[in-house]
């Protein structure tokens, strides 16, 4: 927005609308009135409220579902009573968008309710992670989405398009995100793509991204051959109760979580004189990267000598 304003010397206004409201709902005012970047502005036609799941109106600052009411709002979906029963609450039309109103009545959108990632009971708004990724100077586009997870239900993943000539690794981006996000919000997989997949209308479809990016996120078929890799591969399989783990499979994507990361770290400390914890597993989540970390920390000869004395995990 700032770049467009600088180039064209005109104000850029963020607004919010939908077909069911025919069409305008909120807009930032034109100068000289105040506008807030990142907000879609003040009500511009209908009344706007933020509702809890129960239908109770929430005070400013609290996140909930954006709801609207007014003469420009449709009366209902034709021949679809089930949709109408779900969409209308005490005269309010529930938009399906999540957001909050600030103390001055400006509306901020934080995502679609259907797109929230449910990671072990923690509800995560992917837009928040998108914005954190886009704050990195190497990232041009980013979109966060859910991956199925065998124990947590869903895990956080992201796709990123890098700026031309930029170079950054998945681990570096995860470390960058740790400065602004809680641990459970940091994507366990970040895949780099040349373009973000979009639907026929040009909109990003988060809920379909897992399937569309399956090739980028698929398990690697390469198997371990080095002793340190064989040791870790067997350890991952034992803790995760899997028959097969590839050398580049991400521990947190194939079934791992914080508790199992602690178990991995404890098993390694029983074998090697290495101060390792769950954070280390998060930073080095594959057999290849964790093996490299262990070798770099202790030296190849020390690792080999200790592994020689271990007949089984």
C-alpha atoms as a PDB file:
ATOM      1  CA  UNK A   1       0.000   0.000   0.000  1.00  0.00           C
ATOM      2  CA  UNK A   2       2.796   2.406   0.923  1.00  0.00           C
ATOM      3  CA  UNK A   3       4.648   1.625  -2.311  1.00  0.00           C
ATOM      4  CA  UNK A   4       1.533   2.213  -4.440  1.00  0.00           C
ATOM      5  CA  UNK A   5       0.899   5.544  -2.742  1.00  0.00           C
ATOM      6  CA  UNK A   6       4.478   6.625  -3.285  1.00  0.00           C
ATOM      7  CA  UNK A   7       4.473   5.665  -6.969  1.00  0.00           C
ATOM      8  CA  UNK A   8       1.055   7.043  -7.954  1.00  0.00           C
ATOM      9  CA  UNK A   9       0.736   9.858  -5.386  1.00  0.00           C
ATOM     10  CA  UNK A  10      -2.839   8.852  -4.519  1.00  0.00           C
ATOM     11  CA  UNK A  11      -4.343   7.396  -1.339  1.00  0.00           C
ATOM     12  CA  UNK A  12      -4.961   3.647  -1.286  1.00  0.00           C
ATOM     13  CA  UNK A  13      -8.039   2.651   0.684  1.00  0.00           C
ATOM     14  CA  UNK A  14      -8.664  -0.765   2.218  1.00  0.00           C
ATOM     15  CA  UNK A  15     -12.326  -1.795   2.252  1.00  0.00           C
ATOM     16  CA  UNK A  16     -14.497  -4.861   2.878  1.00  0.00           C
ATOM     17  CA  UNK A  17     -17.547  -6.172   1.077  1.00  0.00           C
ATOM     18  CA  UNK A  18     -19.392  -9.314   0.079  1.00  0.00           C
ATOM     19  CA  UNK A  19     -22.173 -10.266  -2.305  1.00  0.00           C
ATOM     20  CA  UNK A  20     -24.619 -10.931   0.532  1.00  0.00           C
ATOM     21  CA  UNK A  21     -24.323  -7.268   1.551  1.00  0.00           C
ATOM     22  CA  UNK A  22     -24.680  -5.869  -1.972  1.00  0.00           C
ATOM     23  CA  UNK A  23     -21.738  -5.173  -1.605  1.00  0.00           C
ATOM     24  CA  UNK A  24     -20.086  -2.607   0.642  1.00  0.00           C
ATOM     25  CA  UNK A  25     -19.661  -3.276   4.370  1.00  0.00           C
ATOM     26  CA  UNK A  26     -16.714  -1.273   5.684  1.00  0.00           C
ATOM     27  CA  UNK A  27     -14.111   1.120   4.362  1.00  0.00           C
ATOM     28  CA  UNK A  28     -11.290   3.300   5.547  1.00  0.00           C
ATOM     29  CA  UNK A  29     -12.172   6.970   5.086  1.00  0.00           C
ATOM     30  CA  UNK A  30     -10.387   9.170   2.571  1.00  0.00           C
ATOM     31  CA  UNK A  31      -7.866  11.746   3.808  1.00  0.00           C
ATOM     32  CA  UNK A  32      -7.877  13.942   5.767  1.00  0.00           C
ATOM     33  CA  UNK A  33      -9.840  11.548   7.997  1.00  0.00           C
ATOM     34  CA  UNK A  34      -7.767   8.896   9.694  1.00  0.00           C
ATOM     35  CA  UNK A  35      -7.235   5.468   8.183  1.00  0.00           C
ATOM     36  CA  UNK A  36      -5.476   2.478   9.657  1.00  0.00           C
ATOM     37  CA  UNK A  37      -3.324   0.244   7.456  1.00  0.00           C
ATOM     38  CA  UNK A  38      -4.263  -3.381   8.034  1.00  0.00           C
ATOM     39  CA  UNK A  39      -7.816  -2.420   8.936  1.00  0.00           C
ATOM     40  CA  UNK A  40     -10.770  -2.516   6.534  1.00  0.00           C
ATOM     41  CA  UNK A  41     -12.060   0.627   8.172  1.00  0.00           C
ATOM     42  CA  UNK A  42     -15.339   1.811   9.645  1.00  0.00           C
ATOM     43  CA  UNK A  43     -18.871   0.503   8.937  1.00  0.00           C
ATOM     44  CA  UNK A  44     -20.015   1.804   5.525  1.00  0.00           C
ATOM     45  CA  UNK A  45     -23.680   0.880   5.325  1.00  0.00           C
ATOM     46  CA  UNK A  46     -24.635  -1.994   7.618  1.00  0.00           C
ATOM     47  CA  UNK A  47     -24.126  -2.274  11.349  1.00  0.00           C
ATOM     48  CA  UNK A  48     -21.117  -4.418  12.246  1.00  0.00           C
ATOM     49  CA  UNK A  49     -20.677  -6.537  15.364  1.00  0.00           C
ATOM     50  CA  UNK A  50     -18.292  -9.238  16.531  1.00  0.00           C
ATOM     51  CA  UNK A  51     -20.073 -12.333  17.787  1.00  0.00           C
ATOM     52  CA  UNK A  52     -18.971 -15.208  19.973  1.00  0.00           C
ATOM     53  CA  UNK A  53     -19.872 -18.723  18.845  1.00  0.00           C
ATOM     54  CA  UNK A  54     -22.934 -18.508  21.117  1.00  0.00           C
ATOM     55  CA  UNK A  55     -24.153 -15.368  19.331  1.00  0.00           C
ATOM     56  CA  UNK A  56     -23.201 -13.003  22.156  1.00  0.00           C
ATOM     57  CA  UNK A  57     -21.790  -9.645  21.030  1.00  0.00           C
ATOM     58  CA  UNK A  58     -18.150  -9.226  22.034  1.00  0.00           C
ATOM     59  CA  UNK A  59     -16.520  -5.998  23.247  1.00  0.00           C
ATOM     60  CA  UNK A  60     -13.846  -4.127  21.294  1.00  0.00           C
ATOM     61  CA  UNK A  61     -10.514  -5.909  21.078  1.00  0.00           C
ATOM     62  CA  UNK A  62     -11.958  -9.437  21.326  1.00  0.00           C
ATOM     63  CA  UNK A  63     -11.839 -11.726  18.298  1.00  0.00           C
ATOM     64  CA  UNK A  64     -14.916 -13.439  17.004  1.00  0.00           C
ATOM     65  CA  UNK A  65     -17.081 -13.783  13.921  1.00  0.00           C
ATOM     66  CA  UNK A  66     -17.854 -10.629  11.948  1.00  0.00           C
ATOM     67  CA  UNK A  67     -21.619 -10.123  11.665  1.00  0.00           C
ATOM     68  CA  UNK A  68     -23.654  -7.497   9.815  1.00  0.00           C
ATOM     69  CA  UNK A  69     -27.183  -6.125   9.930  1.00  0.00           C
ATOM     70  CA  UNK A  70     -28.948  -3.576   7.746  1.00  0.00           C
ATOM     71  CA  UNK A  71     -31.191  -2.872   4.732  1.00  0.00           C
ATOM     72  CA  UNK A  72     -28.429  -3.792   2.247  1.00  0.00           C
ATOM     73  CA  UNK A  73     -28.065  -7.310   3.717  1.00  0.00           C
ATOM     74  CA  UNK A  74     -29.873 -10.118   1.905  1.00  0.00           C
ATOM     75  CA  UNK A  75     -32.863 -11.771   3.561  1.00  0.00           C
ATOM     76  CA  UNK A  76     -31.563 -15.292   2.932  1.00  0.00           C
ATOM     77  CA  UNK A  77     -30.301 -17.914   0.500  1.00  0.00           C
ATOM     78  CA  UNK A  78     -32.984 -19.131  -1.909  1.00  0.00           C
ATOM     79  CA  UNK A  79     -34.352 -22.623  -1.173  1.00  0.00           C
ATOM     80  CA  UNK A  80     -31.627 -23.307   1.395  1.00  0.00           C
ATOM     81  CA  UNK A  81     -33.146 -23.234   4.906  1.00  0.00           C
ATOM     82  CA  UNK A  82     -30.186 -25.108   6.408  1.00  0.00           C
ATOM     83  CA  UNK A  83     -27.734 -22.432   5.236  1.00  0.00           C
ATOM     84  CA  UNK A  84     -30.040 -19.685   6.478  1.00  0.00           C
ATOM     85  CA  UNK A  85     -30.341 -21.270   9.912  1.00  0.00           C
ATOM     86  CA  UNK A  86     -26.558 -21.345  10.150  1.00  0.00           C
ATOM     87  CA  UNK A  87     -25.968 -17.866   8.712  1.00  0.00           C
ATOM     88  CA  UNK A  88     -28.457 -15.798  10.739  1.00  0.00           C
ATOM     89  CA  UNK A  89     -28.425 -15.246  14.500  1.00  0.00           C
ATOM     90  CA  UNK A  90     -30.855 -12.822  16.186  1.00  0.00           C
ATOM     91  CA  UNK A  91     -31.072 -10.722  13.052  1.00  0.00           C
ATOM     92  CA  UNK A  92     -27.308 -10.719  12.434  1.00  0.00           C
ATOM     93  CA  UNK A  93     -25.829 -12.272   9.292  1.00  0.00           C
ATOM     94  CA  UNK A  94     -22.689 -14.240  10.189  1.00  0.00           C
ATOM     95  CA  UNK A  95     -20.063 -13.642   7.504  1.00  0.00           C
ATOM     96  CA  UNK A  96     -17.740 -16.550   8.301  1.00  0.00           C
ATOM     97  CA  UNK A  97     -14.891 -14.064   8.707  1.00  0.00           C
ATOM     98  CA  UNK A  98     -12.969 -13.696  11.956  1.00  0.00           C
ATOM     99  CA  UNK A  99     -11.966 -10.281  13.206  1.00  0.00           C
ATOM    100  CA  UNK A 100     -12.208  -7.621  15.901  1.00  0.00           C
ATOM    101  CA  UNK A 101     -13.223  -3.986  16.324  1.00  0.00           C
ATOM    102  CA  UNK A 102     -10.766  -1.611  17.957  1.00  0.00           C
ATOM    103  CA  UNK A 103     -11.739   1.067  20.458  1.00  0.00           C
ATOM    104  CA  UNK A 104     -12.511   3.525  17.630  1.00  0.00           C
ATOM    105  CA  UNK A 105     -14.731   1.087  15.744  1.00  0.00           C
ATOM    106  CA  UNK A 106     -12.250   0.164  13.004  1.00  0.00           C
ATOM    107  CA  UNK A 107     -12.630  -3.418  11.815  1.00  0.00           C
ATOM    108  CA  UNK A 108      -9.617  -5.724  11.519  1.00  0.00           C
ATOM    109  CA  UNK A 109      -9.994  -9.075   9.743  1.00  0.00           C
ATOM    110  CA  UNK A 110      -7.888 -11.961  11.010  1.00  0.00           C
ATOM    111  CA  UNK A 111      -9.001 -14.799   8.732  1.00  0.00           C
ATOM    112  CA  UNK A 112     -11.790 -17.154   7.711  1.00  0.00           C
ATOM    113  CA  UNK A 113     -13.220 -19.326  10.463  1.00  0.00           C
ATOM    114  CA  UNK A 114     -13.163 -22.368   8.163  1.00  0.00           C
ATOM    115  CA  UNK A 115      -9.446 -21.790   7.560  1.00  0.00           C
ATOM    116  CA  UNK A 116      -8.430 -21.770  11.232  1.00  0.00           C
ATOM    117  CA  UNK A 117      -5.862 -24.466  11.959  1.00  0.00           C
ATOM    118  CA  UNK A 118      -6.770 -26.696  14.903  1.00  0.00           C
ATOM    119  CA  UNK A 119      -3.423 -27.897  16.217  1.00  0.00           C
ATOM    120  CA  UNK A 120      -4.095 -30.108  19.215  1.00  0.00           C
ATOM    121  CA  UNK A 121      -6.918 -27.817  20.364  1.00  0.00           C
ATOM    122  CA  UNK A 122      -5.030 -24.568  19.689  1.00  0.00           C
ATOM    123  CA  UNK A 123      -6.916 -22.479  17.110  1.00  0.00           C
ATOM    124  CA  UNK A 124      -4.423 -20.710  14.843  1.00  0.00           C
ATOM    125  CA  UNK A 125      -5.286 -17.956  12.360  1.00  0.00           C
ATOM    126  CA  UNK A 126      -3.127 -18.536   9.260  1.00  0.00           C
ATOM    127  CA  UNK A 127      -3.217 -14.847   8.293  1.00  0.00           C
ATOM    128  CA  UNK A 128      -1.144 -14.015  11.385  1.00  0.00           C
ATOM    129  CA  UNK A 129       1.575 -16.400  10.236  1.00  0.00           C
ATOM    130  CA  UNK A 130       1.366 -15.093   6.654  1.00  0.00           C
ATOM    131  CA  UNK A 131       2.084 -11.593   7.922  1.00  0.00           C
ATOM    132  CA  UNK A 132       4.994 -12.775  10.057  1.00  0.00           C
ATOM    133  CA  UNK A 133       6.530 -14.571   7.058  1.00  0.00           C
ATOM    134  CA  UNK A 134       6.065 -11.543   4.802  1.00  0.00           C
ATOM    135  CA  UNK A 135       8.023  -9.448   7.312  1.00  0.00           C
ATOM    136  CA  UNK A 136      11.169 -11.356   6.286  1.00  0.00           C
ATOM    137  CA  UNK A 137      13.016  -9.429   3.550  1.00  0.00           C
ATOM    138  CA  UNK A 138      13.533 -12.569   1.441  1.00  0.00           C
ATOM    139  CA  UNK A 139       9.829 -13.499   1.252  1.00  0.00           C
ATOM    140  CA  UNK A 140       7.674 -12.066  -1.541  1.00  0.00           C
ATOM    141  CA  UNK A 141       4.518 -14.175  -1.057  1.00  0.00           C
ATOM    142  CA  UNK A 142       3.456 -16.517   1.709  1.00  0.00           C
ATOM    143  CA  UNK A 143       0.426 -18.579   2.602  1.00  0.00           C
ATOM    144  CA  UNK A 144      -0.122 -20.741   5.673  1.00  0.00           C
ATOM    145  CA  UNK A 145      -2.355 -23.821   5.743  1.00  0.00           C
ATOM    146  CA  UNK A 146      -3.095 -27.005   7.646  1.00  0.00           C
ATOM    147  CA  UNK A 147      -1.492 -30.394   7.142  1.00  0.00           C
ATOM    148  CA  UNK A 148      -3.138 -33.529   8.550  1.00  0.00           C
ATOM    149  CA  UNK A 149      -1.311 -34.823  11.635  1.00  0.00           C
ATOM    150  CA  UNK A 150      -1.853 -38.264  13.206  1.00  0.00           C
ATOM    151  CA  UNK A 151      -1.853 -37.075  16.840  1.00  0.00           C
ATOM    152  CA  UNK A 152      -2.520 -33.316  16.781  1.00  0.00           C
ATOM    153  CA  UNK A 153      -5.244 -33.430  14.144  1.00  0.00           C
ATOM    154  CA  UNK A 154      -3.635 -30.648  12.123  1.00  0.00           C
ATOM    155  CA  UNK A 155      -0.140 -29.219  11.882  1.00  0.00           C
ATOM    156  CA  UNK A 156       0.937 -25.803  10.613  1.00  0.00           C
ATOM    157  CA  UNK A 157       2.615 -25.630   7.208  1.00  0.00           C
ATOM    158  CA  UNK A 158       3.411 -22.774   4.842  1.00  0.00           C
ATOM    159  CA  UNK A 159       4.409 -22.106   1.262  1.00  0.00           C
ATOM    160  CA  UNK A 160       6.644 -19.187   0.369  1.00  0.00           C
ATOM    161  CA  UNK A 161       7.735 -17.472  -2.828  1.00  0.00           C
ATOM    162  CA  UNK A 162      11.132 -15.832  -2.423  1.00  0.00           C
ATOM    163  CA  UNK A 163      12.147 -12.520  -3.918  1.00  0.00           C
ATOM    164  CA  UNK A 164      14.396 -12.709  -6.961  1.00  0.00           C
ATOM    165  CA  UNK A 165      17.961 -13.409  -5.893  1.00  0.00           C
ATOM    166  CA  UNK A 166      17.011 -14.059  -2.262  1.00  0.00           C
ATOM    167  CA  UNK A 167      18.352 -17.080  -0.428  1.00  0.00           C
ATOM    168  CA  UNK A 168      16.951 -18.355   2.867  1.00  0.00           C
ATOM    169  CA  UNK A 169      16.445 -21.820   4.328  1.00  0.00           C
ATOM    170  CA  UNK A 170      13.450 -23.347   6.050  1.00  0.00           C
ATOM    171  CA  UNK A 171      15.321 -23.383   9.365  1.00  0.00           C
ATOM    172  CA  UNK A 172      16.294 -19.716   9.020  1.00  0.00           C
ATOM    173  CA  UNK A 173      12.682 -18.715   8.401  1.00  0.00           C
ATOM    174  CA  UNK A 174      11.514 -20.768  11.394  1.00  0.00           C
ATOM    175  CA  UNK A 175      14.113 -19.059  13.584  1.00  0.00           C
ATOM    176  CA  UNK A 176      12.955 -15.669  12.289  1.00  0.00           C
ATOM    177  CA  UNK A 177       9.321 -16.518  13.072  1.00  0.00           C
ATOM    178  CA  UNK A 178      10.265 -17.542  16.611  1.00  0.00           C
ATOM    179  CA  UNK A 179      10.977 -13.876  17.323  1.00  0.00           C
ATOM    180  CA  UNK A 180       7.312 -12.910  16.883  1.00  0.00           C
ATOM    181  CA  UNK A 181       5.211 -16.094  17.140  1.00  0.00           C
ATOM    182  CA  UNK A 182       4.491 -18.603  19.874  1.00  0.00           C
ATOM    183  CA  UNK A 183       6.153 -21.964  19.319  1.00  0.00           C
ATOM    184  CA  UNK A 184       2.926 -23.791  18.417  1.00  0.00           C
ATOM    185  CA  UNK A 185       2.237 -21.293  15.599  1.00  0.00           C
ATOM    186  CA  UNK A 186       5.571 -21.778  13.807  1.00  0.00           C
ATOM    187  CA  UNK A 187       5.147 -23.900  10.640  1.00  0.00           C
ATOM    188  CA  UNK A 188       6.804 -27.298  10.988  1.00  0.00           C
ATOM    189  CA  UNK A 189       7.161 -27.372   7.200  1.00  0.00           C
ATOM    190  CA  UNK A 190       7.879 -24.433   4.915  1.00  0.00           C
ATOM    191  CA  UNK A 191       8.049 -25.319   1.245  1.00  0.00           C
ATOM    192  CA  UNK A 192       9.468 -22.964  -1.372  1.00  0.00           C
ATOM    193  CA  UNK A 193       7.487 -22.599  -4.586  1.00  0.00           C
ATOM    194  CA  UNK A 194       7.687 -20.439  -7.685  1.00  0.00           C
ATOM    195  CA  UNK A 195       4.030 -19.452  -7.389  1.00  0.00           C
ATOM    196  CA  UNK A 196       1.228 -19.830  -4.856  1.00  0.00           C
ATOM    197  CA  UNK A 197      -1.534 -22.100  -6.231  1.00  0.00           C
ATOM    198  CA  UNK A 198      -4.811 -20.250  -6.714  1.00  0.00           C
ATOM    199  CA  UNK A 199      -8.374 -21.098  -7.672  1.00  0.00           C
ATOM    200  CA  UNK A 200     -10.063 -20.192 -10.977  1.00  0.00           C
ATOM    201  CA  UNK A 201     -10.981 -16.707  -9.687  1.00  0.00           C
ATOM    202  CA  UNK A 202      -7.425 -15.983  -8.563  1.00  0.00           C
ATOM    203  CA  UNK A 203      -8.113 -16.464  -4.865  1.00  0.00           C
ATOM    204  CA  UNK A 204      -5.790 -18.473  -2.664  1.00  0.00           C
ATOM    205  CA  UNK A 205      -7.560 -21.603  -1.429  1.00  0.00           C
ATOM    206  CA  UNK A 206      -5.848 -22.511   1.823  1.00  0.00           C
ATOM    207  CA  UNK A 207      -7.940 -25.599   2.454  1.00  0.00           C
ATOM    208  CA  UNK A 208      -6.804 -27.142  -0.840  1.00  0.00           C
ATOM    209  CA  UNK A 209      -3.145 -26.233  -0.549  1.00  0.00           C
ATOM    210  CA  UNK A 210      -2.124 -29.377   1.292  1.00  0.00           C
ATOM    211  CA  UNK A 211      -3.306 -31.499  -1.635  1.00  0.00           C
ATOM    212  CA  UNK A 212      -2.026 -29.112  -4.313  1.00  0.00           C
ATOM    213  CA  UNK A 213       1.448 -28.920  -2.750  1.00  0.00           C
ATOM    214  CA  UNK A 214       1.654 -32.614  -1.906  1.00  0.00           C
ATOM    215  CA  UNK A 215       4.633 -33.140  -4.188  1.00  0.00           C
ATOM    216  CA  UNK A 216       6.622 -30.431  -2.419  1.00  0.00           C
ATOM    217  CA  UNK A 217       5.633 -31.725   1.005  1.00  0.00           C
ATOM    218  CA  UNK A 218       5.850 -35.440   0.253  1.00  0.00           C
ATOM    219  CA  UNK A 219       8.146 -37.695   2.218  1.00  0.00           C
ATOM    220  CA  UNK A 220      11.559 -38.230   0.717  1.00  0.00           C
ATOM    221  CA  UNK A 221      12.235 -41.784  -0.381  1.00  0.00           C
ATOM    222  CA  UNK A 222      16.002 -41.732   0.278  1.00  0.00           C
ATOM    223  CA  UNK A 223      17.008 -44.158   3.008  1.00  0.00           C
ATOM    224  CA  UNK A 224      19.810 -43.884   5.529  1.00  0.00           C
ATOM    225  CA  UNK A 225      23.206 -45.496   5.012  1.00  0.00           C
ATOM    226  CA  UNK A 226      25.536 -43.775   7.521  1.00  0.00           C
ATOM    227  CA  UNK A 227      25.589 -45.251  11.060  1.00  0.00           C
ATOM    228  CA  UNK A 228      24.376 -41.991  12.657  1.00  0.00           C
ATOM    229  CA  UNK A 229      21.491 -41.838  10.180  1.00  0.00           C
ATOM    230  CA  UNK A 230      20.599 -45.482  10.708  1.00  0.00           C
ATOM    231  CA  UNK A 231      20.562 -44.910  14.479  1.00  0.00           C
ATOM    232  CA  UNK A 232      18.271 -41.888  14.192  1.00  0.00           C
ATOM    233  CA  UNK A 233      16.052 -43.528  11.611  1.00  0.00           C
ATOM    234  CA  UNK A 234      15.438 -46.457  13.952  1.00  0.00           C
ATOM    235  CA  UNK A 235      14.895 -44.066  16.852  1.00  0.00           C
ATOM    236  CA  UNK A 236      12.309 -42.031  14.927  1.00  0.00           C
ATOM    237  CA  UNK A 237      10.504 -45.205  13.883  1.00  0.00           C
ATOM    238  CA  UNK A 238      10.454 -46.511  17.465  1.00  0.00           C
ATOM    239  CA  UNK A 239       9.153 -43.313  19.075  1.00  0.00           C
ATOM    240  CA  UNK A 240       6.629 -42.584  16.323  1.00  0.00           C
ATOM    241  CA  UNK A 241       5.615 -46.254  15.911  1.00  0.00           C
ATOM    242  CA  UNK A 242       6.208 -46.089  12.156  1.00  0.00           C
ATOM    243  CA  UNK A 243       7.442 -48.822   9.845  1.00  0.00           C
ATOM    244  CA  UNK A 244       9.365 -46.463   7.632  1.00  0.00           C
ATOM    245  CA  UNK A 245      11.022 -43.038   7.977  1.00  0.00           C
ATOM    246  CA  UNK A 246      13.067 -41.371   5.257  1.00  0.00           C
ATOM    247  CA  UNK A 247      16.264 -39.460   5.882  1.00  0.00           C
ATOM    248  CA  UNK A 248      14.562 -36.146   5.049  1.00  0.00           C
ATOM    249  CA  UNK A 249      11.151 -36.782   6.619  1.00  0.00           C
ATOM    250  CA  UNK A 250      10.227 -34.015   9.036  1.00  0.00           C
ATOM    251  CA  UNK A 251       9.721 -35.434  12.541  1.00  0.00           C
ATOM    252  CA  UNK A 252       6.838 -33.070  13.304  1.00  0.00           C
ATOM    253  CA  UNK A 253       5.023 -33.770  10.046  1.00  0.00           C
ATOM    254  CA  UNK A 254       5.144 -37.578  10.142  1.00  0.00           C
ATOM    255  CA  UNK A 255       3.675 -37.773  13.648  1.00  0.00           C
ATOM    256  CA  UNK A 256       6.000 -36.045  16.113  1.00  0.00           C
ATOM    257  CA  UNK A 257       5.036 -33.470  18.715  1.00  0.00           C
ATOM    258  CA  UNK A 258       6.676 -31.742  21.680  1.00  0.00           C
ATOM    259  CA  UNK A 259       6.278 -34.729  24.025  1.00  0.00           C
ATOM    260  CA  UNK A 260       7.795 -37.141  21.518  1.00  0.00           C
ATOM    261  CA  UNK A 261      10.607 -34.667  20.825  1.00  0.00           C
ATOM    262  CA  UNK A 262      11.478 -34.852  24.537  1.00  0.00           C
ATOM    263  CA  UNK A 263      11.546 -38.663  24.259  1.00  0.00           C
ATOM    264  CA  UNK A 264      13.898 -38.454  21.269  1.00  0.00           C
ATOM    265  CA  UNK A 265      16.213 -36.083  23.132  1.00  0.00           C
ATOM    266  CA  UNK A 266      16.253 -38.326  26.221  1.00  0.00           C
ATOM    267  CA  UNK A 267      17.130 -41.421  24.157  1.00  0.00           C
ATOM    268  CA  UNK A 268      19.972 -39.592  22.422  1.00  0.00           C
ATOM    269  CA  UNK A 269      21.389 -38.337  25.744  1.00  0.00           C
ATOM    270  CA  UNK A 270      21.410 -41.946  26.988  1.00  0.00           C
ATOM    271  CA  UNK A 271      23.721 -42.865  24.115  1.00  0.00           C
ATOM    272  CA  UNK A 272      25.774 -39.765  23.433  1.00  0.00           C
ATOM    273  CA  UNK A 273      27.379 -37.152  25.736  1.00  0.00           C
ATOM    274  CA  UNK A 274      25.379 -34.394  24.094  1.00  0.00           C
ATOM    275  CA  UNK A 275      23.277 -31.673  25.824  1.00  0.00           C
ATOM    276  CA  UNK A 276      20.237 -32.027  23.567  1.00  0.00           C
ATOM    277  CA  UNK A 277      16.606 -31.091  24.238  1.00  0.00           C
ATOM    278  CA  UNK A 278      13.266 -30.768  22.430  1.00  0.00           C
ATOM    279  CA  UNK A 279      14.254 -27.369  21.029  1.00  0.00           C
ATOM    280  CA  UNK A 280      17.175 -29.036  19.248  1.00  0.00           C
ATOM    281  CA  UNK A 281      14.790 -31.507  17.622  1.00  0.00           C
ATOM    282  CA  UNK A 282      12.598 -28.627  16.472  1.00  0.00           C
ATOM    283  CA  UNK A 283      15.617 -26.870  14.951  1.00  0.00           C
ATOM    284  CA  UNK A 284      16.898 -30.085  13.333  1.00  0.00           C
ATOM    285  CA  UNK A 285      13.737 -32.125  12.627  1.00  0.00           C
ATOM    286  CA  UNK A 286      15.034 -34.645  10.067  1.00  0.00           C
ATOM    287  CA  UNK A 287      17.389 -37.609  10.320  1.00  0.00           C
ATOM    288  CA  UNK A 288      19.836 -35.818   8.022  1.00  0.00           C
ATOM    289  CA  UNK A 289      19.900 -32.447   9.804  1.00  0.00           C
ATOM    290  CA  UNK A 290      19.872 -33.905  13.316  1.00  0.00           C
ATOM    291  CA  UNK A 291      22.665 -36.293  12.395  1.00  0.00           C
ATOM    292  CA  UNK A 292      24.722 -33.405  11.033  1.00  0.00           C
ATOM    293  CA  UNK A 293      24.145 -31.415  14.215  1.00  0.00           C
ATOM    294  CA  UNK A 294      25.286 -34.324  16.379  1.00  0.00           C
ATOM    295  CA  UNK A 295      28.380 -34.917  14.251  1.00  0.00           C
ATOM    296  CA  UNK A 296      29.291 -31.228  14.227  1.00  0.00           C
ATOM    297  CA  UNK A 297      28.828 -31.016  18.011  1.00  0.00           C
ATOM    298  CA  UNK A 298      30.808 -34.090  19.048  1.00  0.00           C
ATOM    299  CA  UNK A 299      32.962 -34.964  16.069  1.00  0.00           C
ATOM    300  CA  UNK A 300      32.509 -37.921  13.753  1.00  0.00           C
ATOM    301  CA  UNK A 301      34.928 -40.160  15.674  1.00  0.00           C
ATOM    302  CA  UNK A 302      33.217 -39.617  19.041  1.00  0.00           C
ATOM    303  CA  UNK A 303      29.789 -40.313  17.562  1.00  0.00           C
ATOM    304  CA  UNK A 304      31.051 -43.461  15.834  1.00  0.00           C
ATOM    305  CA  UNK A 305      32.686 -44.800  19.000  1.00  0.00           C
ATOM    306  CA  UNK A 306      29.523 -44.370  21.064  1.00  0.00           C
ATOM    307  CA  UNK A 307      27.287 -45.873  18.413  1.00  0.00           C
ATOM    308  CA  UNK A 308      29.579 -48.888  18.112  1.00  0.00           C
ATOM    309  CA  UNK A 309      28.827 -49.696  21.756  1.00  0.00           C
ATOM    310  CA  UNK A 310      25.074 -49.557  21.240  1.00  0.00           C
ATOM    311  CA  UNK A 311      23.434 -52.709  19.946  1.00  0.00           C
ATOM    312  CA  UNK A 312      19.900 -51.402  20.064  1.00  0.00           C
ATOM    313  CA  UNK A 313      17.951 -48.267  20.963  1.00  0.00           C
END
